[in-house]
Protein backbone atom coordinates (compact mmCIF):
# COMPACT_ATOMS: atom_id res chain seq x y z
CA UNK A 1 135.66 66.57 131.37
CA UNK A 2 138.97 65.57 132.99
CA UNK A 3 139.19 66.66 136.57
CA UNK A 4 141.51 69.50 137.75
CA UNK A 5 144.92 68.60 138.87
CA UNK A 6 145.09 68.19 142.61
CA UNK A 7 147.44 70.01 144.42
CA UNK A 8 148.41 70.75 148.22
CA UNK A 9 150.08 73.43 150.11
CA UNK A 10 153.11 72.90 152.53
CA UNK A 11 153.31 74.70 155.88
CA UNK A 12 154.62 77.73 154.04
CA UNK A 13 151.79 77.78 151.75
CA UNK A 14 153.67 76.85 148.52
CA UNK A 15 151.44 74.72 146.30
CA UNK A 16 152.72 71.36 145.24
CA UNK A 17 151.56 68.86 142.34
CA UNK A 18 152.64 65.33 142.48
CA UNK A 19 154.19 66.29 145.76
CA UNK A 20 156.64 68.47 143.73
CA UNK A 21 157.31 72.17 143.42
CA UNK A 22 159.70 74.39 141.84
CA UNK A 23 162.61 73.00 139.72
CA UNK A 24 161.62 69.24 140.41
CA UNK A 25 157.89 69.93 139.24
CA UNK A 26 159.30 71.69 135.98
CA UNK A 27 161.46 68.70 135.53
CA UNK A 28 158.47 66.35 135.96
CA UNK A 29 156.74 68.48 133.14
CA UNK A 30 159.62 68.04 130.93
CA UNK A 31 159.83 64.26 131.49
CA UNK A 32 156.03 63.55 130.73
CA UNK A 33 156.14 66.04 127.75
CA UNK A 34 159.28 64.37 126.44
CA UNK A 35 157.55 61.05 126.83
CA UNK A 36 155.11 62.08 124.22
CA UNK A 37 157.65 62.57 121.78
CA UNK A 38 159.14 59.33 122.79
CA UNK A 39 155.97 57.71 121.92
CA UNK A 40 155.91 59.62 118.66
CA UNK A 41 159.37 58.04 117.55
CA UNK A 42 158.31 54.67 118.52
CA UNK A 43 155.30 54.92 116.43
CA UNK A 44 157.46 55.97 113.39
CA UNK A 45 159.65 53.15 113.72
CA UNK A 46 157.38 50.18 114.92
CA UNK A 47 156.20 49.23 111.58
CA UNK A 48 159.49 49.05 109.68
CA UNK A 49 160.43 45.82 111.24
CA UNK A 50 156.98 44.14 110.88
CA UNK A 51 155.66 45.36 107.56
CA UNK A 52 157.48 42.76 105.57
CA UNK A 53 157.71 39.93 108.22
CA UNK A 54 156.16 36.64 106.85
CA UNK A 55 154.03 36.26 110.08
CA UNK A 56 152.46 39.77 109.54
CA UNK A 57 152.00 39.30 105.96
CA UNK A 58 150.54 35.89 106.49
CA UNK A 59 147.99 37.47 109.04
CA UNK A 60 147.33 40.26 106.63
CA UNK A 61 147.58 38.72 103.12
CA UNK A 62 146.87 42.16 101.39
CA UNK A 63 150.30 43.21 102.40
CA UNK A 64 152.19 40.07 101.33
CA UNK A 65 154.62 41.19 98.25
CA UNK A 66 152.28 44.22 97.63
CA UNK A 67 154.39 47.41 98.02
CA UNK A 68 151.06 49.60 97.52
CA UNK A 69 149.47 47.70 100.43
CA UNK A 70 152.41 47.88 102.61
CA UNK A 71 152.68 51.66 102.01
CA UNK A 72 148.98 52.17 102.68
CA UNK A 73 149.05 50.38 105.94
CA UNK A 74 152.11 52.15 107.18
CA UNK A 75 150.97 55.68 105.75
CA UNK A 76 147.27 55.61 106.81
CA UNK A 77 148.68 56.48 110.30
CA UNK A 78 149.95 59.80 109.05
CA UNK A 79 146.36 60.52 107.70
CA UNK A 80 145.12 59.98 111.45
CA UNK A 81 147.98 62.39 112.56
CA UNK A 82 147.03 65.02 110.00
CA UNK A 83 143.17 64.96 111.17
CA UNK A 84 144.41 65.09 114.86
CA UNK A 85 146.51 68.17 114.03
CA UNK A 86 143.49 69.78 112.29
CA UNK A 87 141.40 68.93 115.29
CA UNK A 88 143.82 70.65 117.48
CA UNK A 89 144.00 73.66 115.37
CA UNK A 90 140.29 74.05 115.37
CA UNK A 91 139.62 73.26 119.06
CA UNK A 92 142.75 73.27 120.93
CA UNK A 93 142.27 76.65 122.48
CA UNK A 94 138.91 75.75 123.87
CA UNK A 95 140.25 72.12 125.31
CA UNK A 96 143.39 73.34 126.89
CA UNK A 97 146.89 72.10 126.94
CA UNK A 98 146.51 69.38 129.55
CA UNK A 99 143.39 67.91 128.66
CA UNK A 100 144.39 67.82 125.00
CA UNK A 101 147.42 65.71 125.77
CA UNK A 102 145.43 63.54 128.01
CA UNK A 103 142.91 63.07 125.20
CA UNK A 104 145.52 62.45 122.74
CA UNK A 105 147.40 59.81 124.57
CA UNK A 106 144.11 57.99 125.55
CA UNK A 107 143.04 57.88 122.00
CA UNK A 108 146.29 56.35 120.93
CA UNK A 109 145.89 53.52 123.65
CA UNK A 110 142.28 52.98 122.02
CA UNK A 111 143.93 52.67 118.45
CA UNK A 112 146.58 50.19 119.94
CA UNK A 113 143.99 48.06 121.57
CA UNK A 114 142.05 47.85 118.14
CA UNK A 115 145.32 46.95 116.25
CA UNK A 116 146.21 44.11 118.60
CA UNK A 117 142.68 42.65 118.63
CA UNK A 118 142.66 42.08 114.92
CA UNK A 119 141.78 38.43 114.41
CA UNK A 120 141.69 36.21 111.19
CA UNK A 121 138.11 35.79 110.08
CA UNK A 122 136.87 39.26 111.23
CA UNK A 123 138.37 41.63 108.47
CA UNK A 124 141.62 41.98 110.29
CA UNK A 125 143.14 44.06 107.71
CA UNK A 126 140.27 46.64 107.88
CA UNK A 127 140.49 46.62 111.59
CA UNK A 128 144.29 47.22 111.74
CA UNK A 129 143.92 50.09 109.39
CA UNK A 130 141.22 51.68 111.66
CA UNK A 131 143.39 51.06 114.63
CA UNK A 132 146.52 52.63 113.21
CA UNK A 133 144.08 55.74 111.92
CA UNK A 134 142.83 56.24 115.41
CA UNK A 135 146.43 56.08 116.96
CA UNK A 136 147.55 58.51 114.44
CA UNK A 137 144.79 60.95 115.49
CA UNK A 138 145.95 60.91 118.94
CA UNK A 139 149.46 61.31 117.92
CA UNK A 140 148.42 64.44 115.83
CA UNK A 141 146.81 66.01 118.87
CA UNK A 142 149.79 65.47 121.10
CA UNK A 143 152.33 66.69 118.63
CA UNK A 144 150.50 69.81 117.99
CA UNK A 145 150.16 70.58 121.86
CA UNK A 146 153.05 69.20 123.71
CA UNK A 147 155.65 71.87 122.35
CA UNK A 148 153.27 74.53 123.33
CA UNK A 149 152.72 73.12 126.71
CA UNK A 150 156.38 72.73 127.44
CA UNK A 151 157.20 76.19 126.43
CA UNK A 152 154.52 77.81 128.35
CA UNK A 153 155.71 75.82 131.76
CA UNK A 154 159.46 76.53 131.11
CA UNK A 155 161.91 79.17 131.67
CA UNK A 156 162.77 81.39 128.78
CA UNK A 157 166.36 80.51 129.19
CA UNK A 158 165.86 76.90 128.30
CA UNK A 159 162.76 77.08 126.11
CA UNK A 160 164.69 76.49 122.85
CA UNK A 161 166.86 73.68 124.26
CA UNK A 162 163.84 71.80 125.88
CA UNK A 163 161.88 71.82 122.52
CA UNK A 164 165.06 70.65 120.62
CA UNK A 165 165.44 67.83 123.15
CA UNK A 166 161.75 66.77 122.39
CA UNK A 167 162.52 66.69 118.78
CA UNK A 168 165.70 64.73 119.24
CA UNK A 169 164.13 62.05 121.64
CA UNK A 170 161.99 60.96 118.61
CA UNK A 171 165.15 59.15 117.57
CA UNK A 172 165.25 57.18 120.85
CA UNK A 173 161.53 56.28 120.58
CA UNK A 174 162.45 55.03 116.94
CA UNK A 175 165.53 52.92 118.29
CA UNK A 176 163.41 51.41 120.94
CA UNK A 177 160.88 50.14 118.28
CA UNK A 178 163.45 48.94 116.01
CA UNK A 179 165.08 46.61 118.66
CA UNK A 180 161.85 45.54 120.10
CA UNK A 181 160.84 44.61 116.40
CA UNK A 182 164.09 42.59 116.21
CA UNK A 183 163.71 40.86 119.61
CA UNK A 184 160.03 39.87 118.78
CA UNK A 185 161.11 38.43 115.55
CA UNK A 186 162.56 35.39 117.39
CA UNK A 187 159.13 34.83 119.15
CA UNK A 188 155.90 32.96 118.19
CA UNK A 189 154.08 34.08 115.04
CA UNK A 190 151.41 36.36 116.81
CA UNK A 191 154.26 37.92 118.95
CA UNK A 192 156.29 39.15 116.02
CA UNK A 193 153.81 42.05 115.51
CA UNK A 194 151.47 42.11 118.25
CA UNK A 195 153.82 42.74 121.07
CA UNK A 196 155.75 45.55 119.39
CA UNK A 197 152.53 47.41 118.64
CA UNK A 198 151.11 46.73 121.99
CA UNK A 199 154.09 48.15 123.76
CA UNK A 200 152.92 51.54 122.91
CA UNK A 201 150.35 51.40 125.59
CA UNK A 202 153.40 51.68 128.05
CA UNK A 203 154.06 55.08 126.98
CA UNK A 204 150.50 56.19 126.56
CA UNK A 205 149.74 55.27 130.20
CA UNK A 206 152.74 57.16 131.30
CA UNK A 207 151.42 60.26 129.70
CA UNK A 208 147.81 59.82 130.83
CA UNK A 209 148.70 59.01 134.40
CA UNK A 210 151.44 61.91 134.55
CA UNK A 211 149.11 64.61 133.01
CA UNK A 212 146.44 63.98 135.34
CA UNK A 213 148.66 65.09 138.34
CA UNK A 214 150.48 67.77 136.54
CA UNK A 215 149.04 71.30 136.29
CA UNK A 216 147.43 73.13 133.36
CA UNK A 217 149.50 75.75 131.54
CA UNK A 218 149.18 78.84 133.35
CA UNK A 219 149.12 81.13 130.20
CA UNK A 220 146.18 79.17 129.06
CA UNK A 221 144.40 79.62 132.37
CA UNK A 222 144.81 83.31 132.20
CA UNK A 223 143.41 83.38 128.60
CA UNK A 224 140.34 81.67 129.85
CA UNK A 225 139.84 84.12 132.61
CA UNK A 226 140.91 81.79 135.67
CA UNK A 227 143.34 83.73 137.53
CA UNK A 228 143.23 81.85 140.74
CA UNK A 229 144.35 78.76 139.27
CA UNK A 230 146.99 80.35 137.09
CA UNK A 231 148.39 81.96 140.22
CA UNK A 232 148.61 78.39 141.87
CA UNK A 233 150.23 76.95 138.92
CA UNK A 234 152.73 79.93 138.66
CA UNK A 235 153.59 79.60 142.39
CA UNK A 236 154.02 75.73 142.22
CA UNK A 237 156.41 75.98 139.10
CA UNK A 238 158.48 78.92 140.89
CA UNK A 239 158.36 77.12 144.27
CA UNK A 240 156.98 80.19 146.08
CA UNK A 241 153.81 81.03 147.91
CA UNK A 242 150.84 82.27 145.72
CA UNK A 243 150.91 85.70 147.43
CA UNK A 244 154.58 86.40 146.88
CA UNK A 245 155.28 89.44 145.02
CA UNK A 246 157.19 87.58 142.32
CA UNK A 247 154.31 85.40 141.56
CA UNK A 248 151.80 88.38 141.39
CA UNK A 249 154.36 90.22 139.09
CA UNK A 250 154.63 87.42 136.75
CA UNK A 251 150.92 86.82 136.55
CA UNK A 252 150.46 90.62 135.98
CA UNK A 253 153.00 90.54 132.99
CA UNK A 254 151.34 87.48 131.38
CA UNK A 255 147.70 89.05 131.67
CA UNK A 256 149.03 92.39 130.26
CA UNK A 257 150.79 90.82 127.47
CA UNK A 258 147.58 88.76 126.55
CA UNK A 259 145.35 91.69 126.58
CA UNK A 260 147.84 93.72 124.48
CA UNK A 261 148.38 91.14 121.92
CA UNK A 262 144.56 90.77 121.44
CA UNK A 263 144.85 87.17 122.70
CA UNK A 264 142.09 87.63 125.35
CA UNK A 265 139.78 84.74 125.28
CA UNK A 266 142.50 82.54 123.97
CA UNK A 267 141.34 82.60 120.62
CA UNK A 268 143.13 84.21 117.43
CA UNK A 269 141.00 84.54 114.15
CA UNK A 270 142.39 82.49 111.08
CA UNK A 271 142.39 85.70 109.28
CA UNK A 272 145.34 86.85 111.33
CA UNK A 273 147.59 84.05 109.71
CA UNK A 274 147.47 85.90 106.42
CA UNK A 275 148.42 89.37 107.23
CA UNK A 276 151.66 91.12 106.04
CA UNK A 277 152.96 94.67 107.25
CA UNK A 278 155.65 94.85 109.43
CA UNK A 279 154.81 91.78 111.65
CA UNK A 280 154.69 89.62 108.32
CA UNK A 281 152.49 86.92 109.92
CA UNK A 282 151.98 85.16 106.53
CA UNK A 283 155.69 84.91 105.66
CA UNK A 284 156.54 83.74 109.05
CA UNK A 285 153.99 81.14 108.96
CA UNK A 286 155.18 79.93 105.53
CA UNK A 287 158.58 79.65 106.88
CA UNK A 288 157.45 77.33 109.61
CA UNK A 289 155.41 75.29 107.07
CA UNK A 290 158.45 74.91 104.67
CA UNK A 291 160.63 73.80 107.34
CA UNK A 292 158.16 70.74 108.09
CA UNK A 293 157.78 70.25 104.32
CA UNK A 294 161.54 70.13 103.79
CA UNK A 295 162.01 67.72 106.50
CA UNK A 296 159.59 65.02 104.93
CA UNK A 297 160.48 65.51 101.38
CA UNK A 298 164.11 65.18 102.23
CA UNK A 299 163.65 61.44 102.52
CA UNK A 300 163.84 60.94 106.15
CA UNK A 301 160.83 58.63 106.61
CA UNK A 302 161.63 56.69 103.57
CA UNK A 303 164.64 55.70 105.27
CA UNK A 304 163.21 55.26 108.90
CA UNK A 305 159.97 53.45 108.11
CA UNK A 306 161.66 51.26 105.38
CA UNK A 307 165.25 50.91 106.31
CA UNK A 308 165.09 46.98 106.62
CA UNK A 309 162.73 46.69 103.57
CA UNK A 310 165.40 48.86 101.69
CA UNK A 311 168.17 46.87 102.92
CA UNK A 312 166.55 43.79 101.94
CA UNK A 313 165.06 44.71 98.49
CA UNK A 314 167.65 47.46 97.21
CA UNK A 315 170.88 45.95 98.64
CA UNK A 316 169.77 42.20 98.66
CA UNK A 317 170.54 41.37 102.38
CA UNK A 318 168.74 38.69 104.31
CA UNK A 319 165.63 39.63 106.44
CA UNK A 320 167.53 38.89 109.67
CA UNK A 321 170.61 41.04 108.75
CA UNK A 322 168.48 43.85 107.49
CA UNK A 323 166.65 43.97 110.86
CA UNK A 324 169.87 43.92 112.67
CA UNK A 325 171.49 46.55 110.50
CA UNK A 326 168.16 48.74 111.07
CA UNK A 327 168.60 48.54 114.73
CA UNK A 328 172.50 49.67 114.47
CA UNK A 329 171.43 52.38 112.11
CA UNK A 330 168.99 53.66 114.85
CA UNK A 331 171.59 53.61 117.41
CA UNK A 332 173.74 56.04 115.35
CA UNK A 333 170.36 58.04 114.71
CA UNK A 334 169.87 58.38 118.43
CA UNK A 335 173.43 59.45 119.05
CA UNK A 336 173.67 62.15 116.45
CA UNK A 337 170.14 63.32 117.65
CA UNK A 338 171.86 64.61 120.77
CA UNK A 339 174.68 66.70 119.06
CA UNK A 340 172.13 69.53 118.30
CA UNK A 341 171.47 70.03 121.97
CA UNK A 342 174.99 71.28 122.34
CA UNK A 343 175.35 73.34 119.08
CA UNK A 344 171.84 74.75 118.57
CA UNK A 345 172.79 78.17 120.11
CA UNK A 346 176.55 78.09 119.17
CA UNK A 347 176.26 77.20 115.62
CA UNK A 348 172.78 78.74 114.91
CA UNK A 349 169.75 77.45 112.79
CA UNK A 350 170.69 78.55 109.33
CA UNK A 351 174.34 76.86 109.43
CA UNK A 352 172.84 73.60 110.75
CA UNK A 353 169.94 73.66 108.30
CA UNK A 354 172.27 73.93 105.30
CA UNK A 355 174.88 71.62 106.62
CA UNK A 356 172.11 68.92 107.25
CA UNK A 357 170.82 69.64 103.74
CA UNK A 358 174.30 69.05 102.03
CA UNK A 359 175.06 66.09 104.07
CA UNK A 360 171.73 64.36 103.18
CA UNK A 361 172.07 65.24 99.49
CA UNK A 362 175.59 63.70 99.55
CA UNK A 363 174.36 60.58 101.19
CA UNK A 364 171.49 60.18 98.83
CA UNK A 365 173.90 60.69 95.83
CA UNK A 366 176.06 57.98 97.21
CA UNK A 367 173.18 55.61 97.85
CA UNK A 368 172.04 56.36 94.15
CA UNK A 369 175.37 55.80 92.47
CA UNK A 370 176.17 52.55 94.26
CA UNK A 371 172.74 50.84 93.60
CA UNK A 372 172.97 52.13 89.98
CA UNK A 373 176.24 50.39 89.62
CA UNK A 374 174.83 47.03 90.89
CA UNK A 375 176.75 44.33 92.50
CA UNK A 376 177.50 43.29 96.20
CA UNK A 377 180.38 45.52 96.49
CA UNK A 378 178.82 48.80 95.44
CA UNK A 379 175.70 47.69 97.63
CA UNK A 380 177.85 47.99 100.60
CA UNK A 381 178.65 51.57 99.75
CA UNK A 382 174.91 52.22 99.64
CA UNK A 383 174.52 50.90 103.22
CA UNK A 384 177.14 53.58 104.26
CA UNK A 385 175.08 56.32 102.63
CA UNK A 386 172.01 55.10 104.49
CA UNK A 387 173.99 55.33 107.78
CA UNK A 388 175.55 58.94 107.02
CA UNK A 389 172.12 60.07 105.94
CA UNK A 390 170.61 59.24 109.16
CA UNK A 391 173.55 60.59 111.03
CA UNK A 392 173.05 64.09 109.40
CA UNK A 393 169.31 63.97 109.57
CA UNK A 394 169.40 63.29 113.27
CA UNK A 395 171.87 66.03 114.07
CA UNK A 396 170.08 68.67 111.93
CA UNK A 397 166.65 68.14 110.37
CA UNK A 398 165.13 66.01 113.08
CA UNK A 399 164.80 68.58 115.63
CA UNK A 400 165.07 71.99 113.94
CA UNK A 401 161.64 71.99 112.20
CA UNK A 402 159.95 71.58 115.75
CA UNK A 403 161.88 74.57 116.98
CA UNK A 404 162.11 76.71 114.16
CA UNK A 405 158.24 77.48 113.83
CA UNK A 406 157.96 78.17 117.52
CA UNK A 407 160.56 80.86 117.24
CA UNK A 408 159.75 82.58 114.08
CA UNK A 409 155.91 83.10 114.63
CA UNK A 410 154.80 85.85 117.11
CA UNK A 411 152.75 85.32 120.04
CA UNK A 412 149.42 86.41 118.52
CA UNK A 413 149.67 83.62 115.73
CA UNK A 414 152.00 81.13 117.26
CA UNK A 415 149.63 78.42 118.37
CA UNK A 416 147.73 78.25 115.07
CA UNK A 417 150.57 78.83 112.94
CA UNK A 418 152.54 75.87 114.68
CA UNK A 419 149.48 73.75 114.23
CA UNK A 420 149.46 74.56 110.65
CA UNK A 421 153.19 73.64 110.45
CA UNK A 422 152.50 70.33 112.10
CA UNK A 423 149.72 69.62 109.60
CA UNK A 424 152.16 70.15 106.84
CA UNK A 425 154.54 67.63 108.62
CA UNK A 426 151.85 64.87 108.53
CA UNK A 427 150.65 65.63 105.05
CA UNK A 428 153.99 65.28 103.56
CA UNK A 429 155.03 62.53 105.73
CA UNK A 430 152.09 60.41 104.44
CA UNK A 431 152.96 61.39 100.90
CA UNK A 432 156.47 60.30 101.28
CA UNK A 433 155.75 57.07 103.19
CA UNK A 434 152.97 55.99 100.52
CA UNK A 435 154.89 56.74 97.40
CA UNK A 436 158.44 55.33 98.56
CA UNK A 437 157.82 51.46 98.30
CA UNK A 438 156.23 51.63 94.70
CA UNK A 439 159.09 54.16 93.71
CA UNK A 440 161.91 51.87 94.98
CA UNK A 441 160.01 49.00 93.24
CA UNK A 442 159.79 50.66 89.83
CA UNK A 443 163.26 52.03 90.10
CA UNK A 444 165.62 50.83 92.80
CA UNK A 445 167.77 53.69 92.61
CA UNK A 446 165.85 56.65 90.90
CA UNK A 447 164.06 57.18 94.20
CA UNK A 448 167.31 58.23 95.91
CA UNK A 449 168.13 60.49 93.04
CA UNK A 450 164.83 62.35 93.63
CA UNK A 451 165.77 62.76 97.37
CA UNK A 452 169.23 63.91 96.42
CA UNK A 453 167.98 66.67 94.24
CA UNK A 454 165.37 67.73 96.84
CA UNK A 455 168.07 68.11 99.52
CA UNK A 456 170.13 70.11 96.93
CA UNK A 457 167.12 72.62 96.39
CA UNK A 458 166.82 73.25 100.07
CA UNK A 459 170.16 75.05 100.41
CA UNK A 460 169.47 78.10 98.23
CA UNK A 461 166.00 78.58 99.88
CA UNK A 462 167.26 78.51 103.37
CA UNK A 463 170.29 80.82 102.46
CA UNK A 464 167.96 83.26 100.91
CA UNK A 465 164.83 83.08 103.08
CA UNK A 466 165.51 81.81 106.46
CA UNK A 467 166.57 84.50 108.86
CA UNK A 468 168.82 83.44 111.87
CA UNK A 469 167.05 83.33 115.31
CA UNK A 470 169.81 82.03 117.54
CA UNK A 471 170.66 84.19 120.50
CA UNK A 472 167.73 86.46 119.98
CA UNK A 473 164.50 86.93 122.10
CA UNK A 474 161.18 86.88 120.67
CA UNK A 475 160.68 90.65 120.32
CA UNK A 476 164.01 90.93 118.51
CA UNK A 477 162.77 88.59 115.90
CA UNK A 478 159.67 90.78 115.44
CA UNK A 479 162.02 93.79 114.91
CA UNK A 480 164.01 91.77 112.38
CA UNK A 481 160.70 91.40 110.27
CA UNK A 482 159.75 95.08 110.92
CA UNK A 483 163.28 96.07 109.80
CA UNK A 484 163.19 94.10 106.67
CA UNK A 485 159.67 95.30 105.84
CA UNK A 486 160.27 99.10 106.58
CA UNK A 487 163.74 99.55 105.04
CA UNK A 488 162.81 97.20 102.02
CA UNK A 489 165.62 94.78 102.45
CA UNK A 490 165.74 90.81 102.79
CA UNK A 491 164.93 89.53 106.22
CA UNK A 492 167.95 87.44 106.07
CA UNK A 493 170.03 90.69 105.68
CA UNK A 494 167.99 92.30 108.33
CA UNK A 495 168.68 89.57 110.90
CA UNK A 496 172.52 89.95 110.15
CA UNK A 497 172.32 93.69 110.47
CA UNK A 498 170.19 94.15 113.52
CA UNK A 499 172.42 94.07 116.39
CA UNK A 500 171.67 92.06 119.61
CA UNK A 501 169.71 94.55 121.79
CA UNK A 502 169.21 95.21 125.45
CA UNK A 503 165.84 96.14 126.90
CA UNK A 504 166.63 99.88 126.57
CA UNK A 505 167.68 99.42 123.00
CA UNK A 506 164.58 97.36 122.19
CA UNK A 507 162.45 100.17 123.35
CA UNK A 508 164.21 102.62 121.17
CA UNK A 509 163.88 100.42 118.10
CA UNK A 510 160.09 99.51 118.85
CA UNK A 511 159.53 103.29 118.77
CA UNK A 512 161.55 103.75 115.63
CA UNK A 513 159.46 101.02 113.88
CA UNK A 514 156.26 102.38 115.23
CA UNK A 515 155.15 99.34 117.38
CA UNK A 516 154.41 101.46 120.46
CA UNK A 517 151.73 103.31 118.65
CA UNK A 518 149.73 100.24 117.50
CA UNK A 519 148.17 98.40 120.48
CA UNK A 520 148.17 95.05 118.68
CA UNK A 521 151.81 95.22 117.33
CA UNK A 522 152.99 96.49 120.60
CA UNK A 523 151.50 93.71 122.23
CA UNK A 524 153.44 91.12 120.39
CA UNK A 525 156.81 92.97 121.19
CA UNK A 526 155.86 93.63 124.62
CA UNK A 527 154.71 90.04 125.29
CA UNK A 528 157.90 88.61 123.73
CA UNK A 529 160.04 90.88 125.78
CA UNK A 530 158.26 89.72 128.99
CA UNK A 531 158.39 86.19 128.00
CA UNK A 532 162.25 86.38 127.12
CA UNK A 533 163.91 89.09 129.19
CA UNK A 534 162.13 88.51 132.42
CA UNK A 535 163.82 85.07 132.44
CA UNK A 536 166.56 87.14 134.39
CA UNK A 537 163.89 87.64 137.06
CA UNK A 538 163.14 84.04 137.40
CA UNK A 539 166.93 83.15 137.62
CA UNK A 540 167.68 85.71 140.27
CA UNK A 541 164.74 84.36 142.29
CA UNK A 542 165.53 80.66 141.89
CA UNK A 543 161.94 80.17 140.14
CA UNK A 544 160.66 79.20 136.81
CA UNK A 545 159.67 81.42 133.92
CA UNK A 546 156.38 80.66 132.04
């Protein structure tokens, strides 16, 4: 068992973790959590520059000029991620957020060591595959846990932005991986692939060491009937004495909401995911799952993982130029990934989803048309298509599928529904990464036509079925689904017709839709209200909401 995080009180009785309290402590929580997604992005991009490298292929001969083996060695990582997400779905409530993140990062380090110690004469390919699977298992745990931990240790006013930043920071991890791959390609044969893979340990150690000193989620502590520890964490995050009335009030609010939502003990039955009625748990879970599915089947990892390979094989560029352009493409990716941070609340989720789908579709059409035409000139047009695709993806479909499930699902099913959504991500991630090399080998341009059609199909689905969540508190989203169900209208229309409500208006609407007469449903609305609207209390006190 991981030891409890150590803390100390100053002369005013304010608890400190890592000698930090209040806003600095919350910032450190965000830094470590973001580092987890930075590692996620690095892992996504690291194989792209080495999978077709001569030194790597010589060391692992099964991958030499064999697109199926290249796909398998790359995609087996996603299988590990899928099993990690399933593990967290099953045992996450028991383990806790902090220990799960430490365990996930430690498992990733073990997997990296196994990969880097593969040597000729000792079945290196099998060992490398096992190592990538183990690394993926750890990443699956972390990607299922970190957004929840971040949300439960953040103010309500910046929860959405922080989760969006986590999703966007994936691009920066991929950027680091591409350029490290490129630099290592000029080194000795073993350095070409060992160093880029080994570098993951740096991020893993930051996460393990950082999380050892950071506190557990106060919400999880309260669900496990550990109120004294929860009070200490709440006080530290808010920069107040644990006996302060604000801390006691917030702890009481969270505990009341946990009891009301039926989440006492920290466990929600799987059967709750498949219920309908005015809360529409099943529909809301499907919306989250579909967003992760659309992200993957839209072709993002076909570009991210295989960008240099696609440039080399589909466009006919040299290996060195392909690697260089891959690095430039990732710079574009990282730059555009930051744009959503500024527009996510102003523009709204639906418009960003639809804009990204149209942009990705047109980019894939451009790639398809240019490669189908053949020749050097049209191939340059295909290169433009790759760049525009990654720009649209980075600005829209990269962060949104990590944010939307966390918003659209209610408190009672949020943890499990988010884990199921993550499973969807890794399942389809594996599928796309596995079929892309043989698909492009069989038809250099047909693969991109397939992705273009998929992106085009996203638009009507999003327009008809995805309610807008921007600017709404969680209880308002609950009322959107109640309105749609009880008034027999589409949930998209219900979101448009339901005005933005203040606390008094929310109480009136909750009574109108019958939430207050049902303990379980009232708990969901009540908890969301406390989680979102009480953010004003934290802002006035200078503290942090959880």
